[in-house]
Amino acid sequence: MLGYFFTILATALSLLVVDIIVPGVDIANFPSAMLAAIVIGLVNSSIRPVLSVLSLPLTFLTLGAFSLVVNGFCLWLASILVPGFSMNGLLAFILAPVILSFASTFLNKYFAERGTEKSNSTKS
């Protein structure tokens, strides 16, 4: 359960990084970022697999580049569902998911390393 919380926290912090870096992405406050992280998780686990399968021919023809569009669409859908989170413009649609992925991966790895350090120190 704590792992899910850290994943949501890492995604929320990553969204705040995206808000700073990408023009066209606006997040009102930290609670909006937390709610957006939860909704992004739900969208990515429910709608994204269906979109990925349906867009498989286009993804194949574009050598995987169309997956950026699928990711952008999922992030945009989450922005529609969450008050205080908005995405405007093509640059935000394409660049925001890429930066979100990098920042989230980095923060998730950081939290995972912190968690294993603490569990290893309590075992000694």
N, C-alpha and C. Protein backbone atom coordinates (compact mmCIF):
# COMPACT_ATOMS: atom_id res chain seq x y z
N MET A 1 0.82 -1.20 0.00
CA MET A 1 0.00 0.00 0.00
C MET A 1 0.86 1.26 0.00
N LEU A 2 1.96 1.19 0.75
CA LEU A 2 2.86 2.34 0.80
C LEU A 2 3.52 2.58 -0.55
N GLY A 3 3.76 1.49 -1.29
CA GLY A 3 4.35 1.62 -2.63
C GLY A 3 3.44 2.39 -3.58
N TYR A 4 2.13 2.16 -3.49
CA TYR A 4 1.19 2.91 -4.33
C TYR A 4 1.23 4.39 -3.98
N PHE A 5 1.30 4.69 -2.68
CA PHE A 5 1.36 6.09 -2.26
C PHE A 5 2.61 6.77 -2.82
N PHE A 6 3.76 6.09 -2.75
CA PHE A 6 4.99 6.67 -3.27
C PHE A 6 4.94 6.86 -4.78
N THR A 7 4.29 5.93 -5.47
CA THR A 7 4.14 6.07 -6.92
C THR A 7 3.27 7.28 -7.26
N ILE A 8 2.18 7.46 -6.53
CA ILE A 8 1.31 8.61 -6.75
C ILE A 8 2.04 9.90 -6.40
N LEU A 9 2.79 9.88 -5.30
CA LEU A 9 3.56 11.06 -4.91
C LEU A 9 4.61 11.40 -5.96
N ALA A 10 5.31 10.40 -6.48
CA ALA A 10 6.32 10.63 -7.51
C ALA A 10 5.68 11.19 -8.78
N THR A 11 4.52 10.67 -9.15
CA THR A 11 3.84 11.19 -10.34
C THR A 11 3.37 12.62 -10.12
N ALA A 12 2.87 12.92 -8.93
CA ALA A 12 2.43 14.29 -8.63
C ALA A 12 3.60 15.27 -8.67
N LEU A 13 4.72 14.88 -8.09
CA LEU A 13 5.91 15.74 -8.15
C LEU A 13 6.41 15.88 -9.58
N SER A 14 6.32 14.82 -10.35
CA SER A 14 6.72 14.87 -11.76
C SER A 14 5.81 15.81 -12.55
N LEU A 15 4.53 15.81 -12.21
CA LEU A 15 3.60 16.73 -12.87
C LEU A 15 3.96 18.18 -12.55
N LEU A 16 4.41 18.44 -11.35
CA LEU A 16 4.83 19.80 -11.00
C LEU A 16 6.08 20.19 -11.78
N VAL A 17 6.98 19.24 -12.02
CA VAL A 17 8.16 19.49 -12.85
C VAL A 17 7.72 19.80 -14.29
N VAL A 18 6.78 19.02 -14.79
CA VAL A 18 6.25 19.25 -16.15
C VAL A 18 5.61 20.63 -16.23
N ASP A 19 4.91 21.03 -15.19
CA ASP A 19 4.28 22.36 -15.15
C ASP A 19 5.33 23.46 -15.28
N ILE A 20 6.49 23.26 -14.68
CA ILE A 20 7.55 24.26 -14.74
C ILE A 20 8.22 24.28 -16.11
N ILE A 21 8.44 23.10 -16.69
CA ILE A 21 9.24 23.00 -17.91
C ILE A 21 8.44 23.24 -19.18
N VAL A 22 7.25 22.65 -19.27
CA VAL A 22 6.50 22.65 -20.54
C VAL A 22 5.49 23.79 -20.56
N PRO A 23 5.59 24.68 -21.54
CA PRO A 23 4.56 25.70 -21.68
C PRO A 23 3.26 25.07 -22.17
N GLY A 24 2.16 25.50 -21.60
CA GLY A 24 0.86 24.96 -21.97
C GLY A 24 0.33 23.97 -20.96
N VAL A 25 1.15 23.56 -20.00
CA VAL A 25 0.68 22.69 -18.92
C VAL A 25 0.56 23.54 -17.67
N ASP A 26 -0.62 23.56 -17.09
CA ASP A 26 -0.86 24.36 -15.90
C ASP A 26 -1.49 23.51 -14.81
N ILE A 27 -0.87 23.52 -13.63
CA ILE A 27 -1.40 22.83 -12.47
C ILE A 27 -1.58 23.88 -11.39
N ALA A 28 -2.77 23.96 -10.83
CA ALA A 28 -3.11 25.01 -9.90
C ALA A 28 -2.36 24.87 -8.57
N ASN A 29 -2.32 23.67 -8.01
CA ASN A 29 -1.72 23.48 -6.69
C ASN A 29 -1.35 22.01 -6.50
N PHE A 30 -0.76 21.70 -5.34
CA PHE A 30 -0.32 20.33 -5.10
C PHE A 30 -1.47 19.34 -4.97
N PRO A 31 -2.60 19.69 -4.31
CA PRO A 31 -3.72 18.73 -4.30
C PRO A 31 -4.25 18.41 -5.70
N SER A 32 -4.23 19.38 -6.59
CA SER A 32 -4.62 19.10 -7.98
C SER A 32 -3.63 18.14 -8.64
N ALA A 33 -2.35 18.30 -8.32
CA ALA A 33 -1.34 17.39 -8.87
C ALA A 33 -1.52 15.98 -8.32
N MET A 34 -1.87 15.85 -7.05
CA MET A 34 -2.11 14.52 -6.46
C MET A 34 -3.32 13.86 -7.11
N LEU A 35 -4.40 14.62 -7.27
CA LEU A 35 -5.60 14.09 -7.92
C LEU A 35 -5.31 13.73 -9.37
N ALA A 36 -4.54 14.57 -10.05
CA ALA A 36 -4.17 14.28 -11.43
C ALA A 36 -3.33 13.00 -11.52
N ALA A 37 -2.45 12.79 -10.56
CA ALA A 37 -1.63 11.58 -10.54
C ALA A 37 -2.50 10.34 -10.40
N ILE A 38 -3.51 10.42 -9.55
CA ILE A 38 -4.43 9.29 -9.37
C ILE A 38 -5.21 9.03 -10.67
N VAL A 39 -5.71 10.10 -11.27
CA VAL A 39 -6.49 9.94 -12.51
C VAL A 39 -5.60 9.45 -13.65
N ILE A 40 -4.36 9.91 -13.72
CA ILE A 40 -3.44 9.42 -14.76
C ILE A 40 -3.20 7.94 -14.58
N GLY A 41 -3.04 7.50 -13.35
CA GLY A 41 -2.88 6.08 -13.08
C GLY A 41 -4.08 5.27 -13.52
N LEU A 42 -5.28 5.79 -13.25
CA LEU A 42 -6.50 5.09 -13.66
C LEU A 42 -6.66 5.06 -15.18
N VAL A 43 -6.39 6.19 -15.82
CA VAL A 43 -6.49 6.26 -17.29
C VAL A 43 -5.46 5.33 -17.93
N ASN A 44 -4.23 5.34 -17.40
CA ASN A 44 -3.18 4.49 -17.98
C ASN A 44 -3.45 3.01 -17.76
N SER A 45 -4.18 2.66 -16.71
CA SER A 45 -4.45 1.24 -16.48
C SER A 45 -5.73 0.76 -17.15
N SER A 46 -6.62 1.67 -17.52
CA SER A 46 -7.89 1.23 -18.10
C SER A 46 -8.04 1.59 -19.58
N ILE A 47 -7.79 2.83 -19.95
CA ILE A 47 -8.06 3.28 -21.31
C ILE A 47 -6.85 3.12 -22.22
N ARG A 48 -5.65 3.35 -21.70
CA ARG A 48 -4.46 3.29 -22.54
C ARG A 48 -4.22 1.94 -23.19
N PRO A 49 -4.43 0.81 -22.49
CA PRO A 49 -4.23 -0.48 -23.19
C PRO A 49 -5.15 -0.67 -24.39
N VAL A 50 -6.38 -0.21 -24.26
CA VAL A 50 -7.34 -0.33 -25.37
C VAL A 50 -6.88 0.55 -26.54
N LEU A 51 -6.47 1.78 -26.24
CA LEU A 51 -5.99 2.67 -27.30
C LEU A 51 -4.72 2.12 -27.95
N SER A 52 -3.86 1.53 -27.15
CA SER A 52 -2.62 0.97 -27.70
C SER A 52 -2.90 -0.17 -28.67
N VAL A 53 -3.85 -1.03 -28.33
CA VAL A 53 -4.19 -2.14 -29.22
C VAL A 53 -4.86 -1.63 -30.48
N LEU A 54 -5.78 -0.68 -30.33
CA LEU A 54 -6.48 -0.14 -31.50
C LEU A 54 -5.54 0.62 -32.44
N SER A 55 -4.53 1.26 -31.88
CA SER A 55 -3.61 2.05 -32.71
C SER A 55 -2.36 1.26 -33.11
N LEU A 56 -2.36 -0.02 -32.88
CA LEU A 56 -1.18 -0.84 -33.19
C LEU A 56 -0.74 -0.73 -34.65
N PRO A 57 -1.65 -0.75 -35.63
CA PRO A 57 -1.18 -0.60 -37.02
C PRO A 57 -0.47 0.74 -37.27
N LEU A 58 -1.02 1.84 -36.73
CA LEU A 58 -0.37 3.14 -36.90
C LEU A 58 0.96 3.19 -36.16
N THR A 59 1.00 2.61 -35.00
CA THR A 59 2.25 2.58 -34.23
C THR A 59 3.30 1.78 -34.99
N PHE A 60 2.89 0.70 -35.60
CA PHE A 60 3.82 -0.12 -36.39
C PHE A 60 4.32 0.66 -37.61
N LEU A 61 3.41 1.34 -38.31
CA LEU A 61 3.80 2.09 -39.51
C LEU A 61 4.72 3.26 -39.19
N THR A 62 4.54 3.86 -38.03
CA THR A 62 5.37 5.02 -37.66
C THR A 62 6.57 4.62 -36.81
N LEU A 63 6.84 3.32 -36.74
CA LEU A 63 7.96 2.78 -35.98
C LEU A 63 7.91 3.21 -34.51
N GLY A 64 6.72 3.24 -33.95
CA GLY A 64 6.53 3.53 -32.53
C GLY A 64 6.25 4.97 -32.20
N ALA A 65 6.37 5.86 -33.15
CA ALA A 65 6.18 7.29 -32.86
C ALA A 65 4.73 7.61 -32.50
N PHE A 66 3.79 6.82 -33.00
CA PHE A 66 2.38 7.11 -32.70
C PHE A 66 2.08 6.86 -31.23
N SER A 67 2.92 6.12 -30.54
CA SER A 67 2.69 5.90 -29.10
C SER A 67 2.80 7.22 -28.34
N LEU A 68 3.55 8.19 -28.87
CA LEU A 68 3.59 9.52 -28.26
C LEU A 68 2.22 10.18 -28.30
N VAL A 69 1.50 9.97 -29.39
CA VAL A 69 0.15 10.52 -29.52
C VAL A 69 -0.79 9.85 -28.52
N VAL A 70 -0.67 8.54 -28.36
CA VAL A 70 -1.50 7.81 -27.40
C VAL A 70 -1.22 8.31 -25.98
N ASN A 71 0.06 8.48 -25.63
CA ASN A 71 0.41 9.00 -24.32
C ASN A 71 -0.10 10.41 -24.11
N GLY A 72 0.04 11.25 -25.12
CA GLY A 72 -0.47 12.61 -25.04
C GLY A 72 -1.97 12.65 -24.87
N PHE A 73 -2.67 11.78 -25.60
CA PHE A 73 -4.12 11.72 -25.48
C PHE A 73 -4.55 11.31 -24.07
N CYS A 74 -3.87 10.33 -23.50
CA CYS A 74 -4.21 9.88 -22.14
C CYS A 74 -3.96 10.99 -21.12
N LEU A 75 -2.86 11.72 -21.27
CA LEU A 75 -2.59 12.83 -20.36
C LEU A 75 -3.60 13.95 -20.55
N TRP A 76 -3.97 14.23 -21.79
CA TRP A 76 -4.97 15.25 -22.07
C TRP A 76 -6.33 14.84 -21.49
N LEU A 77 -6.68 13.57 -21.60
CA LEU A 77 -7.94 13.08 -21.03
C LEU A 77 -7.95 13.26 -19.52
N ALA A 78 -6.83 12.99 -18.88
CA ALA A 78 -6.74 13.21 -17.44
C ALA A 78 -6.89 14.69 -17.10
N SER A 79 -6.35 15.56 -17.95
CA SER A 79 -6.47 17.00 -17.69
C SER A 79 -7.91 17.48 -17.82
N ILE A 80 -8.71 16.81 -18.64
CA ILE A 80 -10.12 17.17 -18.75
C ILE A 80 -10.87 16.77 -17.49
N LEU A 81 -10.48 15.65 -16.90
CA LEU A 81 -11.21 15.11 -15.76
C LEU A 81 -10.83 15.76 -14.42
N VAL A 82 -9.68 16.41 -14.35
CA VAL A 82 -9.20 16.96 -13.08
C VAL A 82 -9.29 18.49 -13.11
N PRO A 83 -10.05 19.06 -12.17
CA PRO A 83 -10.05 20.53 -12.07
C PRO A 83 -8.71 21.03 -11.54
N GLY A 84 -8.21 22.11 -12.10
CA GLY A 84 -6.93 22.65 -11.69
C GLY A 84 -5.76 22.11 -12.48
N PHE A 85 -6.03 21.27 -13.49
CA PHE A 85 -4.98 20.71 -14.35
C PHE A 85 -5.43 20.89 -15.78
N SER A 86 -4.61 21.60 -16.57
CA SER A 86 -4.99 21.83 -17.97
C SER A 86 -3.77 21.69 -18.87
N MET A 87 -4.05 21.27 -20.10
CA MET A 87 -3.03 21.16 -21.15
C MET A 87 -3.54 21.89 -22.37
N ASN A 88 -2.71 22.79 -22.90
CA ASN A 88 -3.07 23.56 -24.09
C ASN A 88 -1.92 23.55 -25.07
N GLY A 89 -2.21 23.20 -26.31
CA GLY A 89 -1.21 23.28 -27.36
C GLY A 89 -0.58 21.95 -27.72
N LEU A 90 -0.08 21.90 -28.94
CA LEU A 90 0.53 20.69 -29.47
C LEU A 90 1.84 20.35 -28.75
N LEU A 91 2.61 21.37 -28.40
CA LEU A 91 3.86 21.13 -27.69
C LEU A 91 3.61 20.44 -26.35
N ALA A 92 2.61 20.88 -25.64
CA ALA A 92 2.26 20.25 -24.36
C ALA A 92 1.76 18.83 -24.58
N PHE A 93 1.01 18.62 -25.64
CA PHE A 93 0.44 17.32 -25.95
C PHE A 93 1.52 16.27 -26.23
N ILE A 94 2.60 16.68 -26.87
CA ILE A 94 3.67 15.75 -27.25
C ILE A 94 4.79 15.72 -26.20
N LEU A 95 5.21 16.88 -25.71
CA LEU A 95 6.37 16.96 -24.83
C LEU A 95 6.07 16.59 -23.38
N ALA A 96 4.89 16.93 -22.89
CA ALA A 96 4.55 16.70 -21.48
C ALA A 96 4.63 15.22 -21.08
N PRO A 97 4.08 14.28 -21.86
CA PRO A 97 4.20 12.88 -21.46
C PRO A 97 5.64 12.38 -21.43
N VAL A 98 6.48 12.89 -22.32
CA VAL A 98 7.87 12.46 -22.35
C VAL A 98 8.59 12.91 -21.08
N ILE A 99 8.45 14.18 -20.75
CA ILE A 99 9.10 14.70 -19.54
C ILE A 99 8.50 14.08 -18.29
N LEU A 100 7.19 13.87 -18.29
CA LEU A 100 6.53 13.21 -17.16
C LEU A 100 7.10 11.81 -16.95
N SER A 101 7.32 11.10 -18.03
CA SER A 101 7.86 9.75 -17.94
C SER A 101 9.28 9.75 -17.35
N PHE A 102 10.14 10.65 -17.84
CA PHE A 102 11.51 10.72 -17.33
C PHE A 102 11.53 11.11 -15.86
N ALA A 103 10.79 12.16 -15.51
CA ALA A 103 10.80 12.63 -14.12
C ALA A 103 10.19 11.59 -13.19
N SER A 104 9.12 10.96 -13.61
CA SER A 104 8.47 9.95 -12.78
C SER A 104 9.36 8.74 -12.58
N THR A 105 10.04 8.31 -13.63
CA THR A 105 10.97 7.18 -13.51
C THR A 105 12.09 7.51 -12.54
N PHE A 106 12.64 8.70 -12.65
CA PHE A 106 13.72 9.11 -11.74
C PHE A 106 13.23 9.14 -10.29
N LEU A 107 12.08 9.74 -10.04
CA LEU A 107 11.58 9.85 -8.67
C LEU A 107 11.15 8.49 -8.12
N ASN A 108 10.54 7.65 -8.94
CA ASN A 108 10.18 6.31 -8.47
C ASN A 108 11.43 5.51 -8.10
N LYS A 109 12.49 5.65 -8.88
CA LYS A 109 13.74 4.96 -8.56
C LYS A 109 14.32 5.52 -7.27
N TYR A 110 14.24 6.82 -7.07
CA TYR A 110 14.75 7.45 -5.85
C TYR A 110 13.99 6.92 -4.63
N PHE A 111 12.65 6.89 -4.71
CA PHE A 111 11.86 6.40 -3.58
C PHE A 111 12.10 4.92 -3.34
N ALA A 112 12.29 4.15 -4.41
CA ALA A 112 12.54 2.71 -4.25
C ALA A 112 13.88 2.48 -3.56
N GLU A 113 14.90 3.25 -3.94
CA GLU A 113 16.20 3.12 -3.29
C GLU A 113 16.13 3.53 -1.84
N ARG A 114 15.39 4.57 -1.54
CA ARG A 114 15.22 5.01 -0.15
C ARG A 114 14.51 3.94 0.67
N GLY A 115 13.53 3.31 0.06
CA GLY A 115 12.77 2.27 0.76
C GLY A 115 13.63 1.05 1.06
N THR A 116 14.49 0.66 0.12
CA THR A 116 15.34 -0.50 0.36
C THR A 116 16.44 -0.18 1.36
N GLU A 117 16.93 1.07 1.37
CA GLU A 117 17.94 1.46 2.35
C GLU A 117 17.38 1.36 3.76
N LYS A 118 16.17 1.87 3.93
CA LYS A 118 15.54 1.84 5.26
C LYS A 118 15.25 0.42 5.70
N SER A 119 14.77 -0.43 4.77
CA SER A 119 14.46 -1.81 5.16
C SER A 119 15.74 -2.58 5.44
N ASN A 120 16.84 -2.28 4.74
CA ASN A 120 18.12 -2.95 4.99
C ASN A 120 18.72 -2.49 6.33
N SER A 121 18.53 -1.22 6.68
CA SER A 121 19.09 -0.73 7.93
C SER A 121 18.33 -1.26 9.13
N THR A 122 17.05 -1.57 8.98
CA THR A 122 16.28 -2.11 10.10
C THR A 122 16.56 -3.59 10.29
N LYS A 123 17.04 -4.30 9.27
CA LYS A 123 17.35 -5.72 9.38
C LYS A 123 18.68 -5.96 10.08
N SER A 124 19.58 -4.99 10.05
CA SER A 124 20.92 -5.17 10.62
C SER A 124 20.93 -5.21 12.12
